[in-house]
C-alpha atoms as a PDB file:
ATOM      1  CA  MET A   1     126.093 131.754   4.613  1.00  0.00           C
ATOM      2  CA  LYS A   2     127.249 135.339   4.208  1.00  0.00           C
ATOM      3  CA  LEU A   3     130.406 136.268   6.089  1.00  0.00           C
ATOM      4  CA  ARG A   4     128.611 139.183   7.770  1.00  0.00           C
ATOM      5  CA  THR A   5     125.974 136.810   9.181  1.00  0.00           C
ATOM      6  CA  LEU A   6     128.657 134.401  10.304  1.00  0.00           C
ATOM      7  CA  ILE A   7     130.498 137.225  12.078  1.00  0.00           C
ATOM      8  CA  PHE A   8     127.392 138.273  13.998  1.00  0.00           C
ATOM      9  CA  LEU A   9     126.854 134.696  15.165  1.00  0.00           C
ATOM     10  CA  GLY A  10     130.128 134.988  17.130  1.00  0.00           C
ATOM     11  CA  PRO A  11     128.702 136.829  20.130  1.00  0.00           C
ATOM     12  CA  LEU A  12     125.762 134.400  20.229  1.00  0.00           C
ATOM     13  CA  VAL A  13     128.120 131.406  20.217  1.00  0.00           C
ATOM     14  CA  PHE A  14     130.179 133.072  22.953  1.00  0.00           C
ATOM     15  CA  LEU A  15     127.036 133.702  25.010  1.00  0.00           C
ATOM     16  CA  ILE A  16     125.725 130.135  24.641  1.00  0.00           C
ATOM     17  CA  HIS A  17     129.086 128.757  25.732  1.00  0.00           C
ATOM     18  CA  ASP A  18     129.573 131.128  28.636  1.00  0.00           C
ATOM     19  CA  LEU A  19     126.028 130.632  29.909  1.00  0.00           C
ATOM     20  CA  GLU A  20     126.876 126.964  30.446  1.00  0.00           C
ATOM     21  CA  GLU A  21     129.767 128.159  32.596  1.00  0.00           C
ATOM     22  CA  VAL A  22     127.769 130.897  34.348  1.00  0.00           C
ATOM     23  CA  PHE A  23     125.085 128.453  35.460  1.00  0.00           C
ATOM     24  CA  THR A  24     127.429 125.645  36.498  1.00  0.00           C
ATOM     25  CA  VAL A  25     130.814 126.927  37.647  1.00  0.00           C
ATOM     26  CA  GLU A  26     130.036 128.121  41.195  1.00  0.00           C
ATOM     27  CA  GLN A  27     128.233 124.913  42.197  1.00  0.00           C
ATOM     28  CA  TRP A  28     130.796 122.796  40.375  1.00  0.00           C
ATOM     29  CA  VAL A  29     133.681 124.468  42.242  1.00  0.00           C
ATOM     30  CA  LYS A  30     131.879 124.007  45.589  1.00  0.00           C
ATOM     31  CA  GLY A  31     131.192 120.363  44.770  1.00  0.00           C
ATOM     32  CA  HIS A  32     134.807 119.646  43.805  1.00  0.00           C
ATOM     33  CA  GLU A  33     136.654 121.862  46.282  1.00  0.00           C
ATOM     34  CA  SER A  34     138.679 119.001  47.768  1.00  0.00           C
ATOM     35  CA  THR A  35     139.906 117.921  44.327  1.00  0.00           C
ATOM     36  CA  LEU A  36     140.672 121.496  43.280  1.00  0.00           C
ATOM     37  CA  GLN A  37     142.608 122.221  46.505  1.00  0.00           C
ATOM     38  CA  LYS A  38     145.181 119.628  45.399  1.00  0.00           C
ATOM     39  CA  ILE A  39     145.933 121.617  42.239  1.00  0.00           C
ATOM     40  CA  THR A  40     148.133 124.696  42.710  1.00  0.00           C
ATOM     41  CA  LEU A  41     146.623 126.686  39.817  1.00  0.00           C
ATOM     42  CA  ALA A  42     143.097 125.845  40.948  1.00  0.00           C
ATOM     43  CA  LYS A  43     143.919 127.173  44.431  1.00  0.00           C
ATOM     44  CA  VAL A  44     144.859 130.496  42.879  1.00  0.00           C
ATOM     45  CA  LEU A  45     141.793 130.643  40.624  1.00  0.00           C
ATOM     46  CA  PHE A  46     139.209 129.397  43.112  1.00  0.00           C
ATOM     47  CA  LYS A  47     140.115 130.954  46.437  1.00  0.00           C
ATOM     48  CA  SER A  48     137.798 130.537  49.398  1.00  0.00           C
ATOM     49  CA  ASN A  49     136.180 133.882  48.518  1.00  0.00           C
ATOM     50  CA  GLY A  50     135.740 132.455  45.015  1.00  0.00           C
ATOM     51  CA  TYR A  51     134.089 133.751  41.944  1.00  0.00           C
ATOM     52  CA  THR A  52     130.294 133.780  42.276  1.00  0.00           C
ATOM     53  CA  THR A  53     127.658 133.189  39.612  1.00  0.00           C
ATOM     54  CA  ILE A  54     126.738 136.884  39.661  1.00  0.00           C
ATOM     55  CA  GLU A  55     130.371 137.948  39.247  1.00  0.00           C
ATOM     56  CA  PHE A  56     130.815 135.539  36.364  1.00  0.00           C
ATOM     57  CA  ALA A  57     127.597 136.801  34.743  1.00  0.00           C
ATOM     58  CA  VAL A  58     128.717 140.435  35.010  1.00  0.00           C
ATOM     59  CA  THR A  59     132.087 139.589  33.466  1.00  0.00           C
ATOM     60  CA  VAL A  60     130.427 137.588  30.680  1.00  0.00           C
ATOM     61  CA  THR A  61     128.082 140.509  29.980  1.00  0.00           C
ATOM     62  CA  PHE A  62     131.040 142.879  29.641  1.00  0.00           C
ATOM     63  CA  LEU A  63     132.918 140.466  27.362  1.00  0.00           C
ATOM     64  CA  PHE A  64     129.761 139.807  25.325  1.00  0.00           C
ATOM     65  CA  LEU A  65     129.312 143.546  24.721  1.00  0.00           C
ATOM     66  CA  MET A  66     132.951 143.830  23.690  1.00  0.00           C
ATOM     67  CA  PHE A  67     132.466 140.911  21.281  1.00  0.00           C
ATOM     68  CA  VAL A  68     129.382 142.628  19.797  1.00  0.00           C
ATOM     69  CA  LEU A  69     131.416 145.817  19.215  1.00  0.00           C
ATOM     70  CA  ILE A  70     134.285 143.862  17.676  1.00  0.00           C
ATOM     71  CA  SER A  71     131.879 141.878  15.476  1.00  0.00           C
ATOM     72  CA  SER A  72     130.174 145.058  14.350  1.00  0.00           C
ATOM     73  CA  SER A  73     133.503 146.518  13.317  1.00  0.00           C
ATOM     74  CA  ALA A  74     134.547 143.280  11.603  1.00  0.00           C
ATOM     75  CA  SER A  75     131.269 143.080   9.669  1.00  0.00           C
ATOM     76  CA  LYS A  76     132.218 146.355   7.979  1.00  0.00           C
ATOM     77  CA  LYS A  77     135.496 144.679   7.010  1.00  0.00           C
ATOM     78  CA  ILE A  78     137.482 147.325   8.823  1.00  0.00           C
ATOM     79  CA  GLY A  79     141.062 146.030   9.001  1.00  0.00           C
ATOM     80  CA  TRP A  80     141.681 146.123  12.739  1.00  0.00           C
ATOM     81  CA  GLY A  81     138.081 145.217  13.490  1.00  0.00           C
ATOM     82  CA  MET A  82     138.473 142.009  11.497  1.00  0.00           C
ATOM     83  CA  LYS A  83     141.807 141.280  13.160  1.00  0.00           C
ATOM     84  CA  CYS A  84     140.265 141.766  16.615  1.00  0.00           C
ATOM     85  CA  TYR A  85     137.358 139.519  15.611  1.00  0.00           C
ATOM     86  CA  LEU A  86     139.759 136.835  14.412  1.00  0.00           C
ATOM     87  CA  ALA A  87     141.685 137.180  17.679  1.00  0.00           C
ATOM     88  CA  ALA A  88     138.436 136.495  19.565  1.00  0.00           C
ATOM     89  CA  ILE A  89     137.739 133.503  17.313  1.00  0.00           C
ATOM     90  CA  PHE A  90     141.223 132.101  17.919  1.00  0.00           C
ATOM     91  CA  ILE A  91     140.770 132.547  21.682  1.00  0.00           C
ATOM     92  CA  LEU A  92     137.444 130.681  21.497  1.00  0.00           C
ATOM     93  CA  PHE A  93     139.061 127.940  19.409  1.00  0.00           C
ATOM     94  CA  VAL A  94     141.918 127.461  21.886  1.00  0.00           C
ATOM     95  CA  ASN A  95     139.413 127.607  24.762  1.00  0.00           C
ATOM     96  CA  VAL A  96     137.823 124.419  23.409  1.00  0.00           C
ATOM     97  CA  PHE A  97     141.063 122.587  24.047  1.00  0.00           C
ATOM     98  CA  THR A  98     141.504 124.066  27.516  1.00  0.00           C
ATOM     99  CA  HIS A  99     138.083 122.652  28.395  1.00  0.00           C
ATOM    100  CA  LEU A 100     139.034 119.278  26.943  1.00  0.00           C
ATOM    101  CA  ALA A 101     142.327 119.301  28.856  1.00  0.00           C
ATOM    102  CA  GLN A 102     140.550 120.153  32.127  1.00  0.00           C
ATOM    103  CA  THR A 103     138.019 117.387  31.561  1.00  0.00           C
ATOM    104  CA  PHE A 104     140.733 114.884  30.668  1.00  0.00           C
ATOM    105  CA  PHE A 105     143.004 115.907  33.547  1.00  0.00           C
ATOM    106  CA  LEU A 106     140.241 115.853  36.173  1.00  0.00           C
ATOM    107  CA  GLN A 107     138.458 112.848  34.628  1.00  0.00           C
ATOM    108  CA  MET A 108     135.054 114.517  35.084  1.00  0.00           C
ATOM    109  CA  TYR A 109     132.659 117.028  33.586  1.00  0.00           C
ATOM    110  CA  THR A 110     134.022 120.567  33.735  1.00  0.00           C
ATOM    111  CA  PRO A 111     131.842 123.658  33.178  1.00  0.00           C
ATOM    112  CA  GLY A 112     131.762 124.681  29.526  1.00  0.00           C
ATOM    113  CA  VAL A 113     133.032 121.464  27.978  1.00  0.00           C
ATOM    114  CA  ILE A 114     129.714 120.495  26.366  1.00  0.00           C
ATOM    115  CA  THR A 115     129.104 123.758  24.519  1.00  0.00           C
ATOM    116  CA  ALA A 116     132.815 124.029  23.731  1.00  0.00           C
ATOM    117  CA  LEU A 117     132.574 120.789  21.754  1.00  0.00           C
ATOM    118  CA  VAL A 118     129.051 121.082  20.369  1.00  0.00           C
ATOM    119  CA  VAL A 119     128.839 124.815  19.607  1.00  0.00           C
ATOM    120  CA  VAL A 120     132.205 126.595  19.805  1.00  0.00           C
ATOM    121  CA  LEU A 121     134.408 124.090  17.962  1.00  0.00           C
ATOM    122  CA  PRO A 122     132.197 123.755  14.860  1.00  0.00           C
ATOM    123  CA  TYR A 123     131.571 127.499  14.726  1.00  0.00           C
ATOM    124  CA  THR A 124     135.213 128.527  15.040  1.00  0.00           C
ATOM    125  CA  VAL A 125     136.370 125.984  12.456  1.00  0.00           C
ATOM    126  CA  PHE A 126     133.623 127.139  10.082  1.00  0.00           C
ATOM    127  CA  VAL A 127     134.632 130.795  10.561  1.00  0.00           C
ATOM    128  CA  ILE A 128     138.323 130.122  10.054  1.00  0.00           C
ATOM    129  CA  VAL A 129     137.605 128.212   6.829  1.00  0.00           C
ATOM    130  CA  ALA A 130     135.174 130.904   5.597  1.00  0.00           C
ATOM    131  CA  VAL A 131     137.580 133.751   6.316  1.00  0.00           C
ATOM    132  CA  LYS A 132     140.418 131.850   4.661  1.00  0.00           C
ATOM    133  CA  ARG A 133     138.248 131.204   1.570  1.00  0.00           C
ATOM    134  CA  SER A 134     137.277 134.879   1.408  1.00  0.00           C
ATOM    135  CA  GLN A 135     140.999 135.659   1.234  1.00  0.00           C
ATOM    136  CA  ILE A 136     140.865 137.871   4.319  1.00  0.00           C
ATOM    137  CA  LEU A 137     143.018 135.490   6.330  1.00  0.00           C
ATOM    138  CA  ASN A 138     146.634 135.272   5.248  1.00  0.00           C
ATOM    139  CA  SER A 139     149.804 134.672   7.242  1.00  0.00           C
ATOM    140  CA  ARG A 140     150.246 138.388   8.092  1.00  0.00           C
ATOM    141  CA  VAL A 141     146.638 138.785   9.286  1.00  0.00           C
ATOM    142  CA  PHE A 142     146.925 135.500  11.187  1.00  0.00           C
ATOM    143  CA  LEU A 143     150.047 136.653  13.057  1.00  0.00           C
ATOM    144  CA  GLN A 144     148.569 140.089  13.802  1.00  0.00           C
ATOM    145  CA  SER A 145     145.349 138.496  15.062  1.00  0.00           C
ATOM    146  CA  MET A 146     147.292 136.099  17.258  1.00  0.00           C
ATOM    147  CA  GLY A 147     149.232 139.041  18.707  1.00  0.00           C
ATOM    148  CA  ILE A 148     145.983 140.873  19.417  1.00  0.00           C
ATOM    149  CA  GLY A 149     144.626 137.683  21.011  1.00  0.00           C
ATOM    150  CA  VAL A 150     147.619 137.538  23.350  1.00  0.00           C
ATOM    151  CA  LEU A 151     146.905 141.153  24.318  1.00  0.00           C
ATOM    152  CA  PHE A 152     143.209 140.338  24.883  1.00  0.00           C
ATOM    153  CA  LEU A 153     143.984 137.691  27.515  1.00  0.00           C
ATOM    154  CA  PRO A 154     145.183 140.134  30.196  1.00  0.00           C
ATOM    155  CA  VAL A 155     142.117 142.288  29.469  1.00  0.00           C
ATOM    156  CA  ILE A 156     139.845 139.280  30.022  1.00  0.00           C
ATOM    157  CA  PHE A 157     141.546 138.351  33.303  1.00  0.00           C
ATOM    158  CA  ALA A 158     141.639 141.997  34.423  1.00  0.00           C
ATOM    159  CA  ALA A 159     137.880 142.247  33.809  1.00  0.00           C
ATOM    160  CA  MET A 160     137.386 139.172  35.995  1.00  0.00           C
ATOM    161  CA  LEU A 161     139.537 140.619  38.783  1.00  0.00           C
ATOM    162  CA  ILE A 162     137.884 144.042  38.630  1.00  0.00           C
ATOM    163  CA  VAL A 163     134.405 142.537  38.802  1.00  0.00           C
ATOM    164  CA  HIS A 164     135.497 140.312  41.696  1.00  0.00           C
ATOM    165  CA  GLN A 165     136.864 143.338  43.572  1.00  0.00           C
ATOM    166  CA  LEU A 166     133.601 145.231  43.021  1.00  0.00           C
ATOM    167  CA  PHE A 167     131.647 142.420  44.699  1.00  0.00           C
ATOM    168  CA  ILE A 168     133.893 141.908  47.725  1.00  0.00           C
END
């Protein structure tokens, strides 16, 4: 598969994964509120005026569009575009393990775990191997991409908070 094609599959993989979350998270949180109230971090994330399906969908749409822009830039093999794309891939890769940890810790299905394992994990591993083979990924690019990924996380959470504030 051409690297350009593989890059443009990223937003689709993201969308498939996040749609599992969009369609399940609100009901899942409501159904497991008593369990989540016992967990300090969950109390912060899922307040009583919690995140609704619509809010999650709006946030996912914004992030999807950002991923499309990043992928478009990366497909042209523009240096920072590729580094931003790799940052998104690394975030998706790590996200697989956050879903696994949640599922293991709570001993139950958690929204996103199925597509994380079936879609996101194989895709991200395939991309990382392909980019490494194409000699785009080296230790410098890896470290820069990881740094960009760390900077992306506050943007992702800020988008969630802004959308939530718009719907209150």
